[in-house]
């Protein structure tokens, strides 16, 4: 486990990216998290990872619409 220096700020103590969204625990994790099979990502920022499920839903909706248009042609 890492020892923190007394003069490190809280920001310096926070993990930095990449970030992942854990489907098993429904939470955002840094690189050292659950197994890859349980995660979405990597994401550059914690905020992007927090919105992972919404991003996936938006992409899926777009792909389904493209499929409907393709099948209609």
Protein backbone atom coordinates (compact mmCIF):
# COMPACT_ATOMS: atom_id res chain seq x y z
CA UNK A 1 0.00 0.00 0.00
CA UNK A 2 1.27 3.46 -0.87
CA UNK A 3 2.41 5.75 1.92
CA UNK A 4 1.37 9.36 1.45
CA UNK A 5 3.80 12.18 2.11
CA UNK A 6 2.60 14.69 4.68
CA UNK A 7 3.02 17.53 2.20
CA UNK A 8 0.91 15.95 -0.58
CA UNK A 9 -2.39 17.67 -1.30
CA UNK A 10 -5.67 15.79 -1.45
CA UNK A 11 -5.66 16.23 -5.24
CA UNK A 12 -2.23 14.59 -5.48
CA UNK A 13 -3.53 11.66 -3.44
CA UNK A 14 -6.47 11.03 -5.77
CA UNK A 15 -5.94 8.35 -8.42
CA UNK A 16 -5.65 9.59 -11.96
CA UNK A 17 -7.05 7.93 -15.10
CA UNK A 18 -7.76 5.88 -16.88
CA UNK A 19 -11.15 5.29 -15.29
CA UNK A 20 -13.56 2.38 -15.65
CA UNK A 21 -17.22 1.77 -14.86
CA UNK A 22 -17.67 -1.46 -12.92
CA UNK A 23 -20.86 -3.28 -13.94
CA UNK A 24 -20.56 -5.63 -10.96
CA UNK A 25 -20.54 -2.86 -8.34
CA UNK A 26 -22.17 -0.03 -10.35
CA UNK A 27 -19.35 2.33 -9.52
CA UNK A 28 -16.40 4.12 -11.08
CA UNK A 29 -12.99 2.58 -10.47
CA UNK A 30 -9.39 3.46 -11.25
CA UNK A 31 -7.14 1.06 -13.19
CA UNK A 32 -6.70 -1.20 -10.16
CA UNK A 33 -10.29 -2.34 -9.90
CA UNK A 34 -12.38 -5.34 -10.81
CA UNK A 35 -11.59 -7.75 -13.63
CA UNK A 36 -11.90 -6.36 -17.16
CA UNK A 37 -14.90 -8.57 -17.92
CA UNK A 38 -16.92 -6.60 -15.35
CA UNK A 39 -15.98 -3.13 -16.60
CA UNK A 40 -16.63 -0.58 -19.31
CA UNK A 41 -13.80 1.67 -20.39
CA UNK A 42 -11.22 2.94 -20.20
CA UNK A 43 -12.36 6.54 -19.99
CA UNK A 44 -10.05 9.55 -19.82
CA UNK A 45 -11.90 11.19 -16.94
CA UNK A 46 -13.86 10.06 -13.92
CA UNK A 47 -16.86 12.05 -15.18
CA UNK A 48 -16.88 10.17 -18.51
CA UNK A 49 -16.83 6.87 -16.61
CA UNK A 50 -19.71 8.04 -14.39
CA UNK A 51 -21.82 8.45 -17.56
CA UNK A 52 -20.76 5.15 -19.12
CA UNK A 53 -24.19 3.52 -19.05
CA UNK A 54 -25.83 6.57 -20.64
CA UNK A 55 -23.15 6.63 -23.34
CA UNK A 56 -23.69 2.96 -24.11
CA UNK A 57 -27.47 3.45 -24.29
CA UNK A 58 -27.06 6.42 -26.65
CA UNK A 59 -24.73 4.47 -28.95
CA UNK A 60 -27.08 1.48 -28.95
CA UNK A 61 -30.04 3.69 -29.84
CA UNK A 62 -28.08 5.26 -32.70
CA UNK A 63 -27.02 1.84 -34.03
CA UNK A 64 -30.57 0.50 -33.86
CA UNK A 65 -31.82 3.52 -35.82
CA UNK A 66 -29.12 2.97 -38.45
CA UNK A 67 -30.16 -0.69 -38.69
CA UNK A 68 -33.80 0.28 -39.17
CA UNK A 69 -32.85 2.70 -41.95
CA UNK A 70 -30.64 0.11 -43.61
CA UNK A 71 -33.37 -2.56 -43.47
CA UNK A 72 -35.91 -0.11 -44.93
CA UNK A 73 -33.76 0.49 -48.03
